[in-house]
Each structure stands twice: as structure tokens, then as C-alpha cells.
Amino acid sequence: MRTGRASALTDTGRRRPHNEDTFVCDPPLFAVADGVGGAQAGEIASRLAAATLEERLPGSLGTGTLTSLILEANNRIYTRALGDPEAAGMGTVVTALLVDETAG
């Protein structure tokens, strides 16, 4: 399967004054990290998660690599929350799609 175009759109919704979503649009990986609203520093957590996913080596992405990257993102968020009182309790939800371009 070939990806012709990809786009991302987000909305702050009705309850929050700012958006805490961060996107990864790097075929074959597509992901959104949605900072946990109501908790401190959700936007920081979502940026850390997305940045970690983008650090993958070109051509080295399978389900095992994606799992490792998400675990590493979790570790970075947890470490930051422990070391920064203003980020204590921060979190994000990551939804990721890995497209198998070899499937017919």
C-alpha cells in the first residue's frame, strides 16, 4: 500500500483553552499524542512522546521497534515528571498506526 497524502487536523474542543495534541506524520508511521487534559504539562508529555517516535532510524520500523519507542517515550515522560515539580503527574495517550507497505 502506498500512502499518497497524509494530513492532520486537531481541535481544542469545548473544555480546554489550548490544544495538547502532537502529531507524527512520517510514513509508514502515523501517530497522535494527546496530552492528558486537566493534568499538568500534558502538552510537554505529548511533545516528548512524538519526538521519541520520530527518532527512529530510517527503514527500521516494525512492531517491535514501535513498541520499544513507546516504552522509551514513557520512560522519558516519567523521568521528566519526577525531576520537574511543574510537570508532576503529566501524561499523554498515544495512538499509532504502522502501515505495512509490502501488504498487497
N, C-alpha and C. Protein backbone atom coordinates (compact mmCIF):
# COMPACT_ATOMS: atom_id res chain seq x y z
N MET A 1 0.84 -1.17 0.00
CA MET A 1 0.00 0.00 0.00
C MET A 1 0.89 1.23 0.00
N ARG A 2 0.60 2.13 -0.86
CA ARG A 2 1.35 3.39 -0.91
C ARG A 2 0.49 4.50 -0.32
N THR A 3 1.15 5.34 0.44
CA THR A 3 0.46 6.49 1.01
C THR A 3 0.64 7.66 0.07
N GLY A 4 -0.44 8.13 -0.50
CA GLY A 4 -0.37 9.24 -1.43
C GLY A 4 -0.26 10.58 -0.71
N ARG A 5 -1.11 10.79 0.25
CA ARG A 5 -1.14 12.03 1.01
C ARG A 5 -1.56 11.74 2.44
N ALA A 6 -1.08 12.55 3.31
CA ALA A 6 -1.49 12.45 4.71
C ALA A 6 -1.65 13.85 5.26
N SER A 7 -2.60 14.02 6.14
CA SER A 7 -2.78 15.31 6.78
C SER A 7 -3.26 15.09 8.20
N ALA A 8 -3.18 16.14 8.99
CA ALA A 8 -3.60 16.05 10.38
C ALA A 8 -4.38 17.31 10.72
N LEU A 9 -5.39 17.14 11.53
CA LEU A 9 -6.21 18.26 11.97
C LEU A 9 -6.61 17.99 13.41
N THR A 10 -6.63 19.02 14.19
CA THR A 10 -6.97 18.85 15.60
C THR A 10 -7.88 19.99 16.04
N ASP A 11 -8.56 19.78 17.13
CA ASP A 11 -9.48 20.77 17.67
C ASP A 11 -9.34 20.80 19.18
N THR A 12 -9.35 21.97 19.77
CA THR A 12 -9.19 22.07 21.22
C THR A 12 -10.41 21.57 21.96
N GLY A 13 -11.52 21.51 21.31
CA GLY A 13 -12.74 21.08 21.98
C GLY A 13 -13.37 22.22 22.76
N ARG A 14 -14.32 21.88 23.60
CA ARG A 14 -15.09 22.89 24.33
C ARG A 14 -14.63 23.12 25.76
N ARG A 15 -13.79 22.25 26.29
CA ARG A 15 -13.44 22.34 27.70
C ARG A 15 -12.08 22.94 28.00
N ARG A 16 -11.17 22.89 27.05
CA ARG A 16 -9.79 23.32 27.30
C ARG A 16 -9.47 24.59 26.51
N PRO A 17 -8.66 25.46 27.09
CA PRO A 17 -8.30 26.70 26.37
C PRO A 17 -7.19 26.52 25.35
N HIS A 18 -6.44 25.41 25.41
CA HIS A 18 -5.37 25.18 24.45
C HIS A 18 -5.30 23.70 24.09
N ASN A 19 -4.63 23.43 23.00
CA ASN A 19 -4.54 22.08 22.47
C ASN A 19 -3.25 21.40 22.92
N GLU A 20 -3.34 20.16 23.32
CA GLU A 20 -2.16 19.41 23.78
C GLU A 20 -1.83 18.26 22.84
N ASP A 21 -2.29 18.30 21.60
CA ASP A 21 -2.02 17.24 20.63
C ASP A 21 -0.71 17.49 19.89
N THR A 22 0.03 16.42 19.64
CA THR A 22 1.22 16.48 18.81
C THR A 22 1.14 15.31 17.83
N PHE A 23 1.41 15.60 16.56
CA PHE A 23 1.29 14.58 15.52
C PHE A 23 2.65 14.11 15.03
N VAL A 24 2.67 12.86 14.56
CA VAL A 24 3.79 12.31 13.82
C VAL A 24 3.19 11.84 12.50
N CYS A 25 3.67 12.39 11.43
CA CYS A 25 3.20 12.02 10.09
C CYS A 25 4.44 11.73 9.26
N ASP A 26 4.99 10.54 9.46
CA ASP A 26 6.26 10.15 8.85
C ASP A 26 6.11 8.73 8.32
N PRO A 27 5.47 8.57 7.13
CA PRO A 27 5.21 7.24 6.60
C PRO A 27 6.41 6.31 6.69
N PRO A 28 6.22 5.09 7.13
CA PRO A 28 4.96 4.40 7.34
C PRO A 28 4.36 4.58 8.74
N LEU A 29 4.86 5.52 9.52
CA LEU A 29 4.37 5.74 10.88
C LEU A 29 3.51 7.00 10.95
N PHE A 30 2.33 6.81 11.53
CA PHE A 30 1.42 7.91 11.78
C PHE A 30 0.99 7.80 13.24
N ALA A 31 1.05 8.90 13.97
CA ALA A 31 0.68 8.84 15.38
C ALA A 31 0.18 10.19 15.86
N VAL A 32 -0.61 10.15 16.89
CA VAL A 32 -1.01 11.36 17.60
C VAL A 32 -0.80 11.09 19.09
N ALA A 33 -0.18 12.05 19.74
CA ALA A 33 0.00 12.01 21.19
C ALA A 33 -0.91 13.11 21.74
N ASP A 34 -1.88 12.72 22.53
CA ASP A 34 -2.87 13.65 23.07
C ASP A 34 -2.58 13.84 24.55
N GLY A 35 -2.08 15.02 24.90
CA GLY A 35 -1.78 15.32 26.29
C GLY A 35 -3.01 15.17 27.15
N VAL A 36 -2.84 14.62 28.34
CA VAL A 36 -3.96 14.40 29.24
C VAL A 36 -4.43 15.74 29.77
N GLY A 37 -5.62 16.13 29.37
CA GLY A 37 -6.20 17.39 29.81
C GLY A 37 -6.54 17.36 31.29
N GLY A 38 -6.36 18.47 31.93
CA GLY A 38 -6.65 18.56 33.35
C GLY A 38 -5.45 18.22 34.21
N ALA A 39 -4.49 17.52 33.66
CA ALA A 39 -3.25 17.22 34.37
C ALA A 39 -2.21 18.26 33.97
N GLN A 40 -1.20 18.39 34.79
CA GLN A 40 -0.15 19.36 34.48
C GLN A 40 0.67 18.90 33.29
N ALA A 41 1.07 19.83 32.47
CA ALA A 41 2.08 19.64 31.43
C ALA A 41 1.75 18.55 30.40
N GLY A 42 0.48 18.37 30.10
CA GLY A 42 0.10 17.40 29.07
C GLY A 42 0.72 17.70 27.72
N GLU A 43 0.88 18.99 27.42
CA GLU A 43 1.49 19.37 26.14
C GLU A 43 2.96 18.98 26.09
N ILE A 44 3.64 19.01 27.23
CA ILE A 44 5.04 18.59 27.28
C ILE A 44 5.13 17.08 27.09
N ALA A 45 4.25 16.34 27.74
CA ALA A 45 4.24 14.88 27.61
C ALA A 45 3.97 14.47 26.16
N SER A 46 3.02 15.14 25.51
CA SER A 46 2.72 14.77 24.12
C SER A 46 3.89 15.09 23.19
N ARG A 47 4.58 16.21 23.43
CA ARG A 47 5.74 16.55 22.60
C ARG A 47 6.89 15.56 22.83
N LEU A 48 7.11 15.15 24.08
CA LEU A 48 8.16 14.16 24.37
C LEU A 48 7.86 12.84 23.67
N ALA A 49 6.62 12.41 23.72
CA ALA A 49 6.25 11.15 23.08
C ALA A 49 6.46 11.22 21.57
N ALA A 50 5.96 12.27 20.95
CA ALA A 50 6.10 12.40 19.49
C ALA A 50 7.56 12.50 19.08
N ALA A 51 8.35 13.27 19.82
CA ALA A 51 9.78 13.41 19.50
C ALA A 51 10.49 12.07 19.59
N THR A 52 10.13 11.27 20.57
CA THR A 52 10.74 9.94 20.71
C THR A 52 10.39 9.06 19.52
N LEU A 53 9.14 9.08 19.09
CA LEU A 53 8.73 8.28 17.93
C LEU A 53 9.46 8.71 16.66
N GLU A 54 9.76 9.99 16.55
CA GLU A 54 10.44 10.49 15.35
C GLU A 54 11.93 10.17 15.33
N GLU A 55 12.48 9.67 16.42
CA GLU A 55 13.90 9.38 16.50
C GLU A 55 14.29 8.04 15.88
N ARG A 56 13.37 7.34 15.35
CA ARG A 56 13.67 6.02 14.79
C ARG A 56 14.65 6.12 13.64
N LEU A 57 15.39 5.07 13.45
CA LEU A 57 16.32 5.02 12.33
C LEU A 57 15.55 4.76 11.04
N PRO A 58 15.92 5.41 9.95
CA PRO A 58 15.22 5.18 8.69
C PRO A 58 15.22 3.70 8.31
N GLY A 59 14.07 3.21 7.92
CA GLY A 59 13.97 1.83 7.48
C GLY A 59 13.93 0.81 8.61
N SER A 60 13.97 1.25 9.85
CA SER A 60 13.98 0.29 10.96
C SER A 60 12.72 0.42 11.79
N LEU A 61 11.60 0.13 11.19
CA LEU A 61 10.36 0.23 11.92
C LEU A 61 9.50 -0.99 11.69
N GLY A 62 9.30 -1.72 12.74
CA GLY A 62 8.38 -2.85 12.77
C GLY A 62 7.64 -2.74 14.08
N THR A 63 6.82 -3.73 14.37
CA THR A 63 6.04 -3.66 15.60
C THR A 63 6.94 -3.68 16.84
N GLY A 64 8.05 -4.42 16.78
CA GLY A 64 8.98 -4.45 17.91
C GLY A 64 9.64 -3.10 18.14
N THR A 65 10.04 -2.44 17.06
CA THR A 65 10.66 -1.12 17.17
C THR A 65 9.64 -0.11 17.69
N LEU A 66 8.42 -0.16 17.19
CA LEU A 66 7.39 0.76 17.65
C LEU A 66 7.12 0.57 19.14
N THR A 67 7.05 -0.66 19.57
CA THR A 67 6.86 -0.94 21.00
C THR A 67 8.00 -0.38 21.82
N SER A 68 9.22 -0.58 21.36
CA SER A 68 10.40 -0.05 22.07
C SER A 68 10.37 1.47 22.15
N LEU A 69 9.97 2.12 21.05
CA LEU A 69 9.91 3.58 21.04
C LEU A 69 8.85 4.10 22.01
N ILE A 70 7.71 3.44 22.08
CA ILE A 70 6.66 3.86 23.01
C ILE A 70 7.11 3.65 24.45
N LEU A 71 7.78 2.56 24.72
CA LEU A 71 8.32 2.34 26.07
C LEU A 71 9.37 3.38 26.43
N GLU A 72 10.20 3.76 25.47
CA GLU A 72 11.19 4.81 25.71
C GLU A 72 10.50 6.16 25.95
N ALA A 73 9.46 6.45 25.20
CA ALA A 73 8.71 7.69 25.42
C ALA A 73 8.14 7.71 26.83
N ASN A 74 7.57 6.61 27.26
CA ASN A 74 7.03 6.50 28.61
C ASN A 74 8.12 6.77 29.65
N ASN A 75 9.29 6.20 29.44
CA ASN A 75 10.40 6.40 30.37
C ASN A 75 10.81 7.88 30.43
N ARG A 76 10.88 8.53 29.28
CA ARG A 76 11.28 9.94 29.25
C ARG A 76 10.24 10.84 29.94
N ILE A 77 8.98 10.53 29.73
CA ILE A 77 7.92 11.31 30.37
C ILE A 77 7.96 11.11 31.89
N TYR A 78 8.10 9.88 32.31
CA TYR A 78 8.15 9.57 33.74
C TYR A 78 9.35 10.24 34.40
N THR A 79 10.51 10.16 33.76
CA THR A 79 11.73 10.77 34.31
C THR A 79 11.56 12.29 34.41
N ARG A 80 11.00 12.90 33.39
CA ARG A 80 10.78 14.35 33.41
C ARG A 80 9.81 14.74 34.52
N ALA A 81 8.75 13.96 34.69
CA ALA A 81 7.76 14.25 35.73
C ALA A 81 8.37 14.13 37.13
N LEU A 82 9.27 13.18 37.32
CA LEU A 82 9.93 13.03 38.62
C LEU A 82 10.88 14.18 38.93
N GLY A 83 11.54 14.69 37.89
CA GLY A 83 12.57 15.71 38.09
C GLY A 83 12.07 17.14 38.02
N ASP A 84 10.83 17.35 37.61
CA ASP A 84 10.30 18.70 37.44
C ASP A 84 8.96 18.81 38.15
N PRO A 85 8.93 19.50 39.30
CA PRO A 85 7.67 19.61 40.06
C PRO A 85 6.52 20.21 39.25
N GLU A 86 6.82 21.06 38.29
CA GLU A 86 5.76 21.65 37.47
C GLU A 86 5.20 20.67 36.45
N ALA A 87 5.89 19.56 36.25
CA ALA A 87 5.42 18.55 35.30
C ALA A 87 4.94 17.28 36.02
N ALA A 88 4.90 17.31 37.33
CA ALA A 88 4.47 16.14 38.10
C ALA A 88 3.06 15.73 37.69
N GLY A 89 2.88 14.47 37.42
CA GLY A 89 1.58 13.94 37.04
C GLY A 89 1.22 14.08 35.57
N MET A 90 2.15 14.60 34.76
CA MET A 90 1.83 14.78 33.34
C MET A 90 1.66 13.43 32.65
N GLY A 91 0.91 13.45 31.57
CA GLY A 91 0.71 12.22 30.83
C GLY A 91 0.18 12.51 29.43
N THR A 92 0.19 11.48 28.62
CA THR A 92 -0.32 11.57 27.25
C THR A 92 -0.83 10.21 26.83
N VAL A 93 -1.72 10.21 25.88
CA VAL A 93 -2.22 8.99 25.27
C VAL A 93 -1.67 8.98 23.84
N VAL A 94 -1.07 7.87 23.44
CA VAL A 94 -0.51 7.75 22.10
C VAL A 94 -1.32 6.74 21.30
N THR A 95 -1.73 7.17 20.12
CA THR A 95 -2.38 6.27 19.17
C THR A 95 -1.48 6.25 17.93
N ALA A 96 -1.05 5.06 17.55
CA ALA A 96 -0.10 4.95 16.44
C ALA A 96 -0.60 3.96 15.40
N LEU A 97 -0.28 4.27 14.16
CA LEU A 97 -0.60 3.39 13.03
C LEU A 97 0.69 3.14 12.27
N LEU A 98 1.00 1.89 12.08
CA LEU A 98 2.15 1.49 11.30
C LEU A 98 1.64 0.81 10.04
N VAL A 99 1.88 1.42 8.89
CA VAL A 99 1.37 0.92 7.62
C VAL A 99 2.38 -0.04 7.03
N ASP A 100 1.93 -1.26 6.74
CA ASP A 100 2.80 -2.26 6.09
C ASP A 100 2.71 -2.03 4.59
N GLU A 101 3.73 -1.39 4.05
CA GLU A 101 3.72 -1.04 2.64
C GLU A 101 3.95 -2.23 1.73
N THR A 102 4.31 -3.39 2.29
CA THR A 102 4.54 -4.57 1.46
C THR A 102 3.27 -5.40 1.31
N ALA A 103 2.24 -5.12 2.11
CA ALA A 103 0.99 -5.89 2.02
C ALA A 103 0.28 -5.54 0.71
N GLY A 104 -0.29 -6.51 0.12
CA GLY A 104 -0.89 -6.29 -1.18
C GLY A 104 -2.34 -6.21 -1.13
